[in-house]
């Protein structure tokens, strides 16, 4: 009586190779973790640095620390944080509007509260989405006040613009958006604790 052995079909070599392909080695996983940690630290460093840019601008204008603002022109001594800058706008379609806003109490308060709030949010790593939106609006207005596309000012003199579009206002705005999108406040900041608050969990736009 003949014995018939069951024939087991061979799997294609490609499938066999995939099944026997070794998983990621510990060294590979460690390298990936190092890259992630390095990226998080880089974003955190950028966040704190940009926060200090906004916070220092507030402190200098508020107390006249002698850098961009002299002591006599300090906000706490009755000086206007917006008058000197906005009254000298001499290019762009919003030139007349900026001249009207210059020195107005509401403009001073909004400008200074914006600088303070954005600076503290970035350094603390909380409310980065709000900081990104408000910071982008503030930087867009400052960009419009300087108006890089202009080659000449209203009096005909050269504007000194080195680029018709990209300048530090644009770069700061893009960085704000990147920091908010990557939850950069979780490293070297209070982002995780902030996100765990019930009100923030219920309203993600506060993160």
C-alpha atoms as a PDB file:
ATOM      1  CA  UNK A   1       0.000   0.000   0.000  1.00  0.00           C
ATOM      2  CA  UNK A   2       1.518   3.288  -1.054  1.00  0.00           C
ATOM      3  CA  UNK A   3       1.931   5.993   1.531  1.00  0.00           C
ATOM      4  CA  UNK A   4       1.211   9.471   0.266  1.00  0.00           C
ATOM      5  CA  UNK A   5       2.886  12.309   2.147  1.00  0.00           C
ATOM      6  CA  UNK A   6       0.996  15.572   2.389  1.00  0.00           C
ATOM      7  CA  UNK A   7       2.699  18.193   0.282  1.00  0.00           C
ATOM      8  CA  UNK A   8       3.336  21.444   2.111  1.00  0.00           C
ATOM      9  CA  UNK A   9       3.538  24.306  -0.372  1.00  0.00           C
ATOM     10  CA  UNK A  10       6.618  26.440  -0.131  1.00  0.00           C
ATOM     11  CA  UNK A  11       6.149  30.079   0.617  1.00  0.00           C
ATOM     12  CA  UNK A  12       7.651  32.548  -1.829  1.00  0.00           C
ATOM     13  CA  UNK A  13      11.121  33.691  -0.900  1.00  0.00           C
ATOM     14  CA  UNK A  14      10.027  37.315  -0.533  1.00  0.00           C
ATOM     15  CA  UNK A  15       7.396  36.435   2.056  1.00  0.00           C
ATOM     16  CA  UNK A  16       9.786  34.110   3.880  1.00  0.00           C
ATOM     17  CA  UNK A  17      12.408  36.828   3.986  1.00  0.00           C
ATOM     18  CA  UNK A  18       9.919  39.295   5.447  1.00  0.00           C
ATOM     19  CA  UNK A  19       8.829  36.820   8.107  1.00  0.00           C
ATOM     20  CA  UNK A  20      12.410  36.164   9.140  1.00  0.00           C
ATOM     21  CA  UNK A  21      13.582  39.758   8.859  1.00  0.00           C
ATOM     22  CA  UNK A  22      15.065  40.791  12.206  1.00  0.00           C
ATOM     23  CA  UNK A  23      13.223  43.480  14.121  1.00  0.00           C
ATOM     24  CA  UNK A  24      14.829  46.786  14.967  1.00  0.00           C
ATOM     25  CA  UNK A  25      17.909  46.261  17.079  1.00  0.00           C
ATOM     26  CA  UNK A  26      18.201  47.897  20.504  1.00  0.00           C
ATOM     27  CA  UNK A  27      20.888  50.209  19.144  1.00  0.00           C
ATOM     28  CA  UNK A  28      18.508  51.409  16.405  1.00  0.00           C
ATOM     29  CA  UNK A  29      15.744  52.064  18.926  1.00  0.00           C
ATOM     30  CA  UNK A  30      18.173  53.913  21.175  1.00  0.00           C
ATOM     31  CA  UNK A  31      19.324  56.057  18.259  1.00  0.00           C
ATOM     32  CA  UNK A  32      15.726  56.900  17.361  1.00  0.00           C
ATOM     33  CA  UNK A  33      15.038  57.829  20.985  1.00  0.00           C
ATOM     34  CA  UNK A  34      18.119  60.027  21.050  1.00  0.00           C
ATOM     35  CA  UNK A  35      17.006  61.869  17.906  1.00  0.00           C
ATOM     36  CA  UNK A  36      13.547  62.426  19.388  1.00  0.00           C
ATOM     37  CA  UNK A  37      14.987  63.679  22.681  1.00  0.00           C
ATOM     38  CA  UNK A  38      17.422  65.941  20.857  1.00  0.00           C
ATOM     39  CA  UNK A  39      14.637  67.384  18.723  1.00  0.00           C
ATOM     40  CA  UNK A  40      12.504  68.037  21.799  1.00  0.00           C
ATOM     41  CA  UNK A  41      15.377  69.821  23.531  1.00  0.00           C
ATOM     42  CA  UNK A  42      16.105  71.892  20.424  1.00  0.00           C
ATOM     43  CA  UNK A  43      12.475  72.978  20.181  1.00  0.00           C
ATOM     44  CA  UNK A  44      12.407  73.774  23.892  1.00  0.00           C
ATOM     45  CA  UNK A  45      15.552  75.887  23.576  1.00  0.00           C
ATOM     46  CA  UNK A  46      14.038  77.741  20.614  1.00  0.00           C
ATOM     47  CA  UNK A  47      10.828  78.265  22.589  1.00  0.00           C
ATOM     48  CA  UNK A  48      12.542  79.748  25.636  1.00  0.00           C
ATOM     49  CA  UNK A  49      14.819  81.916  23.474  1.00  0.00           C
ATOM     50  CA  UNK A  50      11.917  83.339  21.480  1.00  0.00           C
ATOM     51  CA  UNK A  51       9.985  83.877  24.689  1.00  0.00           C
ATOM     52  CA  UNK A  52      12.858  85.943  26.052  1.00  0.00           C
ATOM     53  CA  UNK A  53      12.777  88.099  22.894  1.00  0.00           C
ATOM     54  CA  UNK A  54       9.164  89.049  23.602  1.00  0.00           C
ATOM     55  CA  UNK A  55       9.592  89.347  27.363  1.00  0.00           C
ATOM     56  CA  UNK A  56      12.711  91.508  27.073  1.00  0.00           C
ATOM     57  CA  UNK A  57      10.932  93.845  24.658  1.00  0.00           C
ATOM     58  CA  UNK A  58       8.184  94.257  27.255  1.00  0.00           C
ATOM     59  CA  UNK A  59      10.603  94.885  30.128  1.00  0.00           C
ATOM     60  CA  UNK A  60      12.709  97.366  28.175  1.00  0.00           C
ATOM     61  CA  UNK A  61       9.699  99.380  27.024  1.00  0.00           C
ATOM     62  CA  UNK A  62       7.965  99.185  30.405  1.00  0.00           C
ATOM     63  CA  UNK A  63      10.902 100.201  32.580  1.00  0.00           C
ATOM     64  CA  UNK A  64      13.271 101.935  30.164  1.00  0.00           C
ATOM     65  CA  UNK A  65      16.283  99.660  30.632  1.00  0.00           C
ATOM     66  CA  UNK A  66      18.384 101.791  28.329  1.00  0.00           C
ATOM     67  CA  UNK A  67      18.567  99.534  25.293  1.00  0.00           C
ATOM     68  CA  UNK A  68      15.831 100.288  22.766  1.00  0.00           C
ATOM     69  CA  UNK A  69      14.041 102.498  25.304  1.00  0.00           C
ATOM     70  CA  UNK A  70      15.637 105.219  27.386  1.00  0.00           C
ATOM     71  CA  UNK A  71      14.735 105.515  31.050  1.00  0.00           C
ATOM     72  CA  UNK A  72      12.850 108.780  30.554  1.00  0.00           C
ATOM     73  CA  UNK A  73      10.630 107.169  27.885  1.00  0.00           C
ATOM     74  CA  UNK A  74       9.636 104.173  30.037  1.00  0.00           C
ATOM     75  CA  UNK A  75       5.969 103.213  30.004  1.00  0.00           C
ATOM     76  CA  UNK A  76       5.827 103.383  33.807  1.00  0.00           C
ATOM     77  CA  UNK A  77       6.978 107.007  33.568  1.00  0.00           C
ATOM     78  CA  UNK A  78       4.272 108.013  31.117  1.00  0.00           C
ATOM     79  CA  UNK A  79       6.028 107.136  27.871  1.00  0.00           C
ATOM     80  CA  UNK A  80       4.197 105.504  24.980  1.00  0.00           C
ATOM     81  CA  UNK A  81       5.490 102.142  23.697  1.00  0.00           C
ATOM     82  CA  UNK A  82       3.828 102.654  20.313  1.00  0.00           C
ATOM     83  CA  UNK A  83       4.127 106.365  19.566  1.00  0.00           C
ATOM     84  CA  UNK A  84       7.770 106.464  18.560  1.00  0.00           C
ATOM     85  CA  UNK A  85       7.525 103.471  16.251  1.00  0.00           C
ATOM     86  CA  UNK A  86       4.115 103.921  14.676  1.00  0.00           C
ATOM     87  CA  UNK A  87       4.395 107.667  14.178  1.00  0.00           C
ATOM     88  CA  UNK A  88       7.486 107.134  12.011  1.00  0.00           C
ATOM     89  CA  UNK A  89       5.936 104.550   9.684  1.00  0.00           C
ATOM     90  CA  UNK A  90       6.637 105.889   6.212  1.00  0.00           C
ATOM     91  CA  UNK A  91       5.736 103.069   3.825  1.00  0.00           C
ATOM     92  CA  UNK A  92       2.949 100.628   3.126  1.00  0.00           C
ATOM     93  CA  UNK A  93      -0.826 100.775   2.693  1.00  0.00           C
ATOM     94  CA  UNK A  94      -1.496 101.072   6.458  1.00  0.00           C
ATOM     95  CA  UNK A  95       0.736 104.101   6.957  1.00  0.00           C
ATOM     96  CA  UNK A  96      -2.105 106.526   7.816  1.00  0.00           C
ATOM     97  CA  UNK A  97      -3.784 103.985  10.120  1.00  0.00           C
ATOM     98  CA  UNK A  98      -0.579 103.409  12.062  1.00  0.00           C
ATOM     99  CA  UNK A  99      -0.131 107.165  12.466  1.00  0.00           C
ATOM    100  CA  UNK A 100      -3.621 107.387  13.975  1.00  0.00           C
ATOM    101  CA  UNK A 101      -2.926 104.490  16.349  1.00  0.00           C
ATOM    102  CA  UNK A 102       0.413 105.879  17.527  1.00  0.00           C
ATOM    103  CA  UNK A 103       0.329 106.795  21.204  1.00  0.00           C
ATOM    104  CA  UNK A 104      -3.271 105.708  21.732  1.00  0.00           C
ATOM    105  CA  UNK A 105      -3.816 104.154  25.169  1.00  0.00           C
ATOM    106  CA  UNK A 106      -5.601 101.103  23.754  1.00  0.00           C
ATOM    107  CA  UNK A 107      -2.749 100.498  21.308  1.00  0.00           C
ATOM    108  CA  UNK A 108      -0.158 100.791  24.079  1.00  0.00           C
ATOM    109  CA  UNK A 109      -2.016  98.364  26.344  1.00  0.00           C
ATOM    110  CA  UNK A 110      -2.701  95.789  23.629  1.00  0.00           C
ATOM    111  CA  UNK A 111       0.903  95.938  22.440  1.00  0.00           C
ATOM    112  CA  UNK A 112       2.417  95.593  25.904  1.00  0.00           C
ATOM    113  CA  UNK A 113       0.016  92.895  27.076  1.00  0.00           C
ATOM    114  CA  UNK A 114       0.730  91.010  23.873  1.00  0.00           C
ATOM    115  CA  UNK A 115       4.486  91.141  24.449  1.00  0.00           C
ATOM    116  CA  UNK A 116       4.123  90.085  28.085  1.00  0.00           C
ATOM    117  CA  UNK A 117       1.589  87.329  27.490  1.00  0.00           C
ATOM    118  CA  UNK A 118       3.409  85.791  24.538  1.00  0.00           C
ATOM    119  CA  UNK A 119       6.735  85.966  26.346  1.00  0.00           C
ATOM    120  CA  UNK A 120       5.446  84.289  29.504  1.00  0.00           C
ATOM    121  CA  UNK A 121       3.526  81.646  27.551  1.00  0.00           C
ATOM    122  CA  UNK A 122       6.595  80.672  25.563  1.00  0.00           C
ATOM    123  CA  UNK A 123       8.953  80.564  28.529  1.00  0.00           C
ATOM    124  CA  UNK A 124       6.448  78.608  30.619  1.00  0.00           C
ATOM    125  CA  UNK A 125       5.447  76.316  27.750  1.00  0.00           C
ATOM    126  CA  UNK A 126       1.726  76.898  28.236  1.00  0.00           C
ATOM    127  CA  UNK A 127      -0.978  78.293  25.986  1.00  0.00           C
ATOM    128  CA  UNK A 128       1.246  77.941  22.940  1.00  0.00           C
ATOM    129  CA  UNK A 129      -1.678  77.829  20.521  1.00  0.00           C
ATOM    130  CA  UNK A 130      -3.016  81.148  21.800  1.00  0.00           C
ATOM    131  CA  UNK A 131       0.515  82.558  21.751  1.00  0.00           C
ATOM    132  CA  UNK A 132       0.978  81.394  18.158  1.00  0.00           C
ATOM    133  CA  UNK A 133      -2.217  83.069  16.953  1.00  0.00           C
ATOM    134  CA  UNK A 134      -1.805  86.327  18.872  1.00  0.00           C
ATOM    135  CA  UNK A 135       1.930  86.443  18.150  1.00  0.00           C
ATOM    136  CA  UNK A 136       1.364  85.935  14.434  1.00  0.00           C
ATOM    137  CA  UNK A 137      -1.162  88.794  14.366  1.00  0.00           C
ATOM    138  CA  UNK A 138       1.211  91.077  16.287  1.00  0.00           C
ATOM    139  CA  UNK A 139       4.175  90.196  14.070  1.00  0.00           C
ATOM    140  CA  UNK A 140       2.078  90.632  10.920  1.00  0.00           C
ATOM    141  CA  UNK A 141       1.183  94.171  12.017  1.00  0.00           C
ATOM    142  CA  UNK A 142       4.822  94.941  12.772  1.00  0.00           C
ATOM    143  CA  UNK A 143       5.790  93.541   9.364  1.00  0.00           C
ATOM    144  CA  UNK A 144       3.184  95.788   7.735  1.00  0.00           C
ATOM    145  CA  UNK A 145       4.532  98.776   9.677  1.00  0.00           C
ATOM    146  CA  UNK A 146       8.042  98.224   8.334  1.00  0.00           C
ATOM    147  CA  UNK A 147       6.705  97.117   4.915  1.00  0.00           C
ATOM    148  CA  UNK A 148       9.726  95.261   3.483  1.00  0.00           C
ATOM    149  CA  UNK A 149       8.367  95.284  -0.121  1.00  0.00           C
ATOM    150  CA  UNK A 150       8.949  99.059  -0.348  1.00  0.00           C
ATOM    151  CA  UNK A 151      12.159 100.119  -2.064  1.00  0.00           C
ATOM    152  CA  UNK A 152      11.606 103.752  -1.134  1.00  0.00           C
ATOM    153  CA  UNK A 153       9.971 105.569   1.742  1.00  0.00           C
ATOM    154  CA  UNK A 154       7.294 108.241   1.458  1.00  0.00           C
ATOM    155  CA  UNK A 155       9.945 110.977   1.255  1.00  0.00           C
ATOM    156  CA  UNK A 156      11.689 109.225  -1.641  1.00  0.00           C
ATOM    157  CA  UNK A 157      14.706 107.983   0.309  1.00  0.00           C
ATOM    158  CA  UNK A 158      15.822 104.360   0.112  1.00  0.00           C
ATOM    159  CA  UNK A 159      13.991 102.071   2.527  1.00  0.00           C
ATOM    160  CA  UNK A 160      17.025  99.915   3.210  1.00  0.00           C
ATOM    161  CA  UNK A 161      14.928  96.764   2.895  1.00  0.00           C
ATOM    162  CA  UNK A 162      17.109  93.736   2.186  1.00  0.00           C
ATOM    163  CA  UNK A 163      14.259  91.390   1.223  1.00  0.00           C
ATOM    164  CA  UNK A 164      10.813  92.188  -0.188  1.00  0.00           C
ATOM    165  CA  UNK A 165       9.047  89.511   1.820  1.00  0.00           C
ATOM    166  CA  UNK A 166      11.005  87.399   4.303  1.00  0.00           C
ATOM    167  CA  UNK A 167      12.310  89.088   7.426  1.00  0.00           C
ATOM    168  CA  UNK A 168      12.587  88.261  11.113  1.00  0.00           C
ATOM    169  CA  UNK A 169       8.896  88.976  11.739  1.00  0.00           C
ATOM    170  CA  UNK A 170       7.937  86.233   9.305  1.00  0.00           C
ATOM    171  CA  UNK A 171      10.493  83.812  10.731  1.00  0.00           C
ATOM    172  CA  UNK A 172       9.322  84.454  14.299  1.00  0.00           C
ATOM    173  CA  UNK A 173       5.703  83.838  13.244  1.00  0.00           C
ATOM    174  CA  UNK A 174       6.618  80.558  11.548  1.00  0.00           C
ATOM    175  CA  UNK A 175       8.570  79.476  14.615  1.00  0.00           C
ATOM    176  CA  UNK A 176       5.592  80.265  16.840  1.00  0.00           C
ATOM    177  CA  UNK A 177       3.394  78.023  14.692  1.00  0.00           C
ATOM    178  CA  UNK A 178       5.958  75.204  14.729  1.00  0.00           C
ATOM    179  CA  UNK A 179       6.307  75.389  18.515  1.00  0.00           C
ATOM    180  CA  UNK A 180       2.545  75.208  19.003  1.00  0.00           C
ATOM    181  CA  UNK A 181       2.122  72.377  16.474  1.00  0.00           C
ATOM    182  CA  UNK A 182       4.828  70.243  18.097  1.00  0.00           C
ATOM    183  CA  UNK A 183       3.744  70.779  21.721  1.00  0.00           C
ATOM    184  CA  UNK A 184       7.167  72.212  22.463  1.00  0.00           C
ATOM    185  CA  UNK A 185       6.072  73.177  25.960  1.00  0.00           C
ATOM    186  CA  UNK A 186       6.233  69.558  27.128  1.00  0.00           C
ATOM    187  CA  UNK A 187      10.037  69.716  27.394  1.00  0.00           C
ATOM    188  CA  UNK A 188      11.618  72.200  29.821  1.00  0.00           C
ATOM    189  CA  UNK A 189       8.171  73.638  30.431  1.00  0.00           C
ATOM    190  CA  UNK A 190       4.788  73.191  32.077  1.00  0.00           C
ATOM    191  CA  UNK A 191       3.059  71.957  28.943  1.00  0.00           C
ATOM    192  CA  UNK A 192       2.098  68.511  30.260  1.00  0.00           C
ATOM    193  CA  UNK A 193       0.699  69.856  33.534  1.00  0.00           C
ATOM    194  CA  UNK A 194      -1.131  72.593  31.663  1.00  0.00           C
ATOM    195  CA  UNK A 195      -2.668  70.085  29.237  1.00  0.00           C
ATOM    196  CA  UNK A 196      -3.845  67.931  32.161  1.00  0.00           C
ATOM    197  CA  UNK A 197      -6.002  70.717  33.617  1.00  0.00           C
ATOM    198  CA  UNK A 198      -9.738  69.949  33.159  1.00  0.00           C
ATOM    199  CA  UNK A 199     -10.465  73.273  31.457  1.00  0.00           C
ATOM    200  CA  UNK A 200      -7.634  72.712  28.981  1.00  0.00           C
ATOM    201  CA  UNK A 201      -8.742  69.128  28.294  1.00  0.00           C
ATOM    202  CA  UNK A 202     -12.239  70.406  27.538  1.00  0.00           C
ATOM    203  CA  UNK A 203     -10.932  73.257  25.361  1.00  0.00           C
ATOM    204  CA  UNK A 204      -7.894  72.047  23.345  1.00  0.00           C
ATOM    205  CA  UNK A 205      -7.404  75.510  21.826  1.00  0.00           C
ATOM    206  CA  UNK A 206      -6.030  76.585  25.218  1.00  0.00           C
ATOM    207  CA  UNK A 207      -3.037  74.227  24.944  1.00  0.00           C
END
